[in-house]
Structure formats: C-alpha cells, structure tokens
C-alpha atoms as a PDB file:
ATOM      1  CA  UNK A   1       9.281 -10.171  12.000  1.00  0.00           C
ATOM      2  CA  UNK A   2       7.925 -10.471   8.493  1.00  0.00           C
ATOM      3  CA  UNK A   3       4.968 -12.793   8.163  1.00  0.00           C
ATOM      4  CA  UNK A   4       4.924 -12.763   4.362  1.00  0.00           C
ATOM      5  CA  UNK A   5       3.718 -10.837   1.362  1.00  0.00           C
ATOM      6  CA  UNK A   6       0.366  -9.249   2.182  1.00  0.00           C
ATOM      7  CA  UNK A   7      -0.418  -8.100  -1.345  1.00  0.00           C
ATOM      8  CA  UNK A   8       0.129  -5.468  -4.011  1.00  0.00           C
ATOM      9  CA  UNK A   9      -1.210  -1.983  -4.598  1.00  0.00           C
ATOM     10  CA  UNK A  10      -2.128  -0.814  -8.088  1.00  0.00           C
ATOM     11  CA  UNK A  11      -2.417   2.909  -8.808  1.00  0.00           C
ATOM     12  CA  UNK A  12      -5.426   3.841 -10.946  1.00  0.00           C
ATOM     13  CA  UNK A  13      -6.789   7.052 -12.406  1.00  0.00           C
ATOM     14  CA  UNK A  14     -10.504   6.252 -12.078  1.00  0.00           C
ATOM     15  CA  UNK A  15     -11.341   3.988  -9.150  1.00  0.00           C
ATOM     16  CA  UNK A  16     -14.897   3.227 -10.302  1.00  0.00           C
ATOM     17  CA  UNK A  17     -13.737   2.055 -13.740  1.00  0.00           C
ATOM     18  CA  UNK A  18     -10.945  -0.043 -12.222  1.00  0.00           C
ATOM     19  CA  UNK A  19     -13.255  -1.608  -9.618  1.00  0.00           C
ATOM     20  CA  UNK A  20     -15.686  -2.699 -12.328  1.00  0.00           C
ATOM     21  CA  UNK A  21     -12.857  -4.196 -14.416  1.00  0.00           C
ATOM     22  CA  UNK A  22     -11.268  -6.088 -11.509  1.00  0.00           C
ATOM     23  CA  UNK A  23     -14.646  -7.243 -10.155  1.00  0.00           C
ATOM     24  CA  UNK A  24     -15.353  -8.750 -13.569  1.00  0.00           C
ATOM     25  CA  UNK A  25     -11.839 -10.225 -13.864  1.00  0.00           C
ATOM     26  CA  UNK A  26     -11.683 -11.698 -10.366  1.00  0.00           C
ATOM     27  CA  UNK A  27     -15.334 -12.639  -9.942  1.00  0.00           C
ATOM     28  CA  UNK A  28     -15.554 -11.139  -6.467  1.00  0.00           C
ATOM     29  CA  UNK A  29     -16.549  -7.918  -4.759  1.00  0.00           C
ATOM     30  CA  UNK A  30     -13.961  -5.659  -3.092  1.00  0.00           C
ATOM     31  CA  UNK A  31     -14.058  -3.973   0.273  1.00  0.00           C
ATOM     32  CA  UNK A  32     -14.265  -0.250  -0.462  1.00  0.00           C
ATOM     33  CA  UNK A  33     -11.719   1.893   1.406  1.00  0.00           C
ATOM     34  CA  UNK A  34     -11.775   5.542   2.477  1.00  0.00           C
ATOM     35  CA  UNK A  35      -9.631   8.067   4.353  1.00  0.00           C
ATOM     36  CA  UNK A  36      -9.668   6.155   7.654  1.00  0.00           C
ATOM     37  CA  UNK A  37      -8.126   3.144   5.932  1.00  0.00           C
ATOM     38  CA  UNK A  38      -4.948   4.933   4.810  1.00  0.00           C
ATOM     39  CA  UNK A  39      -1.923   6.488   6.480  1.00  0.00           C
ATOM     40  CA  UNK A  40      -1.936   9.381   4.010  1.00  0.00           C
ATOM     41  CA  UNK A  41      -4.944  11.663   3.394  1.00  0.00           C
ATOM     42  CA  UNK A  42      -6.652  12.053   0.025  1.00  0.00           C
ATOM     43  CA  UNK A  43      -6.735   8.386  -0.953  1.00  0.00           C
ATOM     44  CA  UNK A  44      -9.545   6.000  -1.723  1.00  0.00           C
ATOM     45  CA  UNK A  45      -9.379   2.413  -2.763  1.00  0.00           C
ATOM     46  CA  UNK A  46     -10.798  -1.051  -3.109  1.00  0.00           C
ATOM     47  CA  UNK A  47      -9.319  -4.220  -1.627  1.00  0.00           C
ATOM     48  CA  UNK A  48      -9.882  -7.611  -3.213  1.00  0.00           C
ATOM     49  CA  UNK A  49      -9.093 -10.473  -0.828  1.00  0.00           C
ATOM     50  CA  UNK A  50      -7.867 -13.404  -2.907  1.00  0.00           C
ATOM     51  CA  UNK A  51      -7.437 -16.186  -0.347  1.00  0.00           C
ATOM     52  CA  UNK A  52      -5.509 -13.868   1.989  1.00  0.00           C
ATOM     53  CA  UNK A  53      -3.567 -12.047  -0.747  1.00  0.00           C
ATOM     54  CA  UNK A  54      -4.801  -8.447  -0.968  1.00  0.00           C
ATOM     55  CA  UNK A  55      -4.969  -6.824  -4.399  1.00  0.00           C
ATOM     56  CA  UNK A  56      -5.657  -3.176  -3.677  1.00  0.00           C
ATOM     57  CA  UNK A  57      -6.649  -0.530  -6.206  1.00  0.00           C
ATOM     58  CA  UNK A  58      -5.727   3.022  -5.179  1.00  0.00           C
ATOM     59  CA  UNK A  59      -6.759   6.418  -6.511  1.00  0.00           C
ATOM     60  CA  UNK A  60      -5.684   9.744  -5.081  1.00  0.00           C
ATOM     61  CA  UNK A  61      -6.680  13.364  -5.036  1.00  0.00           C
ATOM     62  CA  UNK A  62      -4.428  15.837  -6.832  1.00  0.00           C
ATOM     63  CA  UNK A  63      -1.129  16.262  -4.997  1.00  0.00           C
ATOM     64  CA  UNK A  64      -1.073  12.791  -3.434  1.00  0.00           C
ATOM     65  CA  UNK A  65       1.718  10.333  -4.178  1.00  0.00           C
ATOM     66  CA  UNK A  66      -0.763   8.141  -6.067  1.00  0.00           C
ATOM     67  CA  UNK A  67      -1.968  11.001  -8.291  1.00  0.00           C
ATOM     68  CA  UNK A  68       1.622  12.083  -8.986  1.00  0.00           C
ATOM     69  CA  UNK A  69       2.578   8.498  -9.830  1.00  0.00           C
ATOM     70  CA  UNK A  70      -0.339   8.103 -12.267  1.00  0.00           C
ATOM     71  CA  UNK A  71       0.421  11.490 -13.864  1.00  0.00           C
ATOM     72  CA  UNK A  72       4.099  10.676 -14.424  1.00  0.00           C
ATOM     73  CA  UNK A  73       4.112   6.906 -15.026  1.00  0.00           C
ATOM     74  CA  UNK A  74       0.524   5.989 -15.786  1.00  0.00           C
ATOM     75  CA  UNK A  75      -1.607   3.416 -14.075  1.00  0.00           C
ATOM     76  CA  UNK A  76       0.005   0.261 -12.792  1.00  0.00           C
ATOM     77  CA  UNK A  77       1.948  -1.502 -10.069  1.00  0.00           C
ATOM     78  CA  UNK A  78       2.595   0.910  -7.188  1.00  0.00           C
ATOM     79  CA  UNK A  79       3.967  -1.147  -4.309  1.00  0.00           C
ATOM     80  CA  UNK A  80       4.288  -4.533  -2.650  1.00  0.00           C
ATOM     81  CA  UNK A  81       2.932  -4.857   0.873  1.00  0.00           C
ATOM     82  CA  UNK A  82       4.945  -6.887   3.382  1.00  0.00           C
ATOM     83  CA  UNK A  83       3.061  -8.147   6.444  1.00  0.00           C
ATOM     84  CA  UNK A  84       4.886  -7.453   9.701  1.00  0.00           C
ATOM     85  CA  UNK A  85       4.154  -8.179  13.339  1.00  0.00           C
ATOM     86  CA  UNK A  86       6.465  -5.350  14.461  1.00  0.00           C
ATOM     87  CA  UNK A  87       7.110  -2.568  11.951  1.00  0.00           C
ATOM     88  CA  UNK A  88       9.707  -0.745  14.074  1.00  0.00           C
ATOM     89  CA  UNK A  89      11.823  -3.887  14.590  1.00  0.00           C
ATOM     90  CA  UNK A  90      11.659  -4.715  10.890  1.00  0.00           C
ATOM     91  CA  UNK A  91      12.663  -1.129  10.052  1.00  0.00           C
ATOM     92  CA  UNK A  92      15.838  -1.478  12.129  1.00  0.00           C
ATOM     93  CA  UNK A  93      16.823  -4.712  10.362  1.00  0.00           C
ATOM     94  CA  UNK A  94      16.025  -3.342   6.917  1.00  0.00           C
ATOM     95  CA  UNK A  95      17.908  -0.072   7.509  1.00  0.00           C
ATOM     96  CA  UNK A  96      20.961  -2.153   8.418  1.00  0.00           C
ATOM     97  CA  UNK A  97      20.561  -3.861   5.027  1.00  0.00           C
ATOM     98  CA  UNK A  98      20.414  -0.510   3.211  1.00  0.00           C
ATOM     99  CA  UNK A  99      16.684   0.250   3.013  1.00  0.00           C
ATOM    100  CA  UNK A 100      15.743   3.935   3.041  1.00  0.00           C
ATOM    101  CA  UNK A 101      12.375   4.589   4.657  1.00  0.00           C
ATOM    102  CA  UNK A 102      10.112   7.454   3.638  1.00  0.00           C
ATOM    103  CA  UNK A 103       9.425   8.359   7.296  1.00  0.00           C
ATOM    104  CA  UNK A 104      11.741   8.215  10.314  1.00  0.00           C
ATOM    105  CA  UNK A 105       9.022   6.533  12.376  1.00  0.00           C
ATOM    106  CA  UNK A 106       6.058   4.473  11.208  1.00  0.00           C
ATOM    107  CA  UNK A 107       2.580   5.992  11.182  1.00  0.00           C
ATOM    108  CA  UNK A 108      -0.148   4.433  13.299  1.00  0.00           C
ATOM    109  CA  UNK A 109      -3.898   4.898  13.257  1.00  0.00           C
ATOM    110  CA  UNK A 110      -7.159   3.065  12.693  1.00  0.00           C
ATOM    111  CA  UNK A 111      -5.561   1.504   9.568  1.00  0.00           C
ATOM    112  CA  UNK A 112      -2.743  -0.146  11.572  1.00  0.00           C
ATOM    113  CA  UNK A 113       0.982   0.718  11.558  1.00  0.00           C
ATOM    114  CA  UNK A 114       2.934   1.313   8.358  1.00  0.00           C
ATOM    115  CA  UNK A 115       6.080   2.748   6.808  1.00  0.00           C
ATOM    116  CA  UNK A 116       7.264   2.824   3.221  1.00  0.00           C
ATOM    117  CA  UNK A 117      10.629   1.893   1.718  1.00  0.00           C
ATOM    118  CA  UNK A 118      11.799   4.316  -0.946  1.00  0.00           C
ATOM    119  CA  UNK A 119      12.193   2.552  -4.305  1.00  0.00           C
ATOM    120  CA  UNK A 120      15.643   4.090  -4.835  1.00  0.00           C
ATOM    121  CA  UNK A 121      16.970   1.703  -2.187  1.00  0.00           C
ATOM    122  CA  UNK A 122      15.210  -1.415  -3.525  1.00  0.00           C
ATOM    123  CA  UNK A 123      15.986  -1.454  -7.251  1.00  0.00           C
ATOM    124  CA  UNK A 124      12.969   0.617  -8.243  1.00  0.00           C
ATOM    125  CA  UNK A 125      10.314  -1.244  -6.240  1.00  0.00           C
ATOM    126  CA  UNK A 126       8.424   0.522  -3.468  1.00  0.00           C
ATOM    127  CA  UNK A 127       7.479  -1.579  -0.446  1.00  0.00           C
ATOM    128  CA  UNK A 128       5.265  -0.939   2.526  1.00  0.00           C
ATOM    129  CA  UNK A 129       5.972  -2.641   5.832  1.00  0.00           C
ATOM    130  CA  UNK A 130       2.521  -3.031   7.340  1.00  0.00           C
ATOM    131  CA  UNK A 131       0.913  -4.374  10.504  1.00  0.00           C
ATOM    132  CA  UNK A 132      -2.871  -4.070  10.187  1.00  0.00           C
ATOM    133  CA  UNK A 133      -3.332  -5.393  13.737  1.00  0.00           C
ATOM    134  CA  UNK A 134      -1.311  -2.586  15.407  1.00  0.00           C
ATOM    135  CA  UNK A 135      -4.166  -0.057  15.463  1.00  0.00           C
ATOM    136  CA  UNK A 136      -4.415   3.090  17.563  1.00  0.00           C
END
C-alpha cells in the first residue's frame, strides 16, 4: 500500500555544482549517495531530507537514463517517488489502472526495492514505487 509521496528526483549535469546551490538554498547538508544506493549502475546523487520529504539530486555517467535525460531535455524534474510498503502489490493495482512499468519485476538490493512507471502511461510524469525498508 502507498504510504505517501517520498520525494522528487532532479536530474543534474554537474552534481557538485548542484549540491552547492541546493545546500545554499535549503540551508542544510545532503547525504551523499553512490552506486550502492541506486537500482541502476552509473549514478551518483545527494539527498536532502526536508522534514521527511526527500529532494534528491541525480547525475549519471554517459549512457545512463539520467545522462540521456539531461542531454535531451536539460536539467530538471526527473521523477516523483512514491513510498510503498509492498512494491509488488502496488504494481499489480497500478497495472490494472493502466500503468506501464519499466521492469516486469521490481529490483531489490541494499537500496531497498523499486520499480519505475513509464511516463507514457502517466501523462508524461515518471514515478518510482519505492520501499527503502525492503533491503536484500
């Protein structure tokens, strides 16, 4: 079941520049993220916890979805993260409502369990369905 909106992910070209800007804007330090924190390889990021709402900056190596997004659309809003306590159950319900997921089954690892809804099925907005507590 969905527990709420976890946060948003913003795609950036230069993580260091973006971290400095958002640190100044938000007046707080982020948690820096590396490969082990992501379902897909080649990503790095910074997570700002704003009273439980996570604003995450993401940068990617060439060939990653983030790098392709920045190259084609520029920096900006990448996805909305929905908190789930059971990603597979939520996938079933959302598929019945017309959501198209990027993967047939969610990915699990040290980051938790996650799957992504293709923006073509949600009026141009990409979502992730994410359970950070379901770690393997």
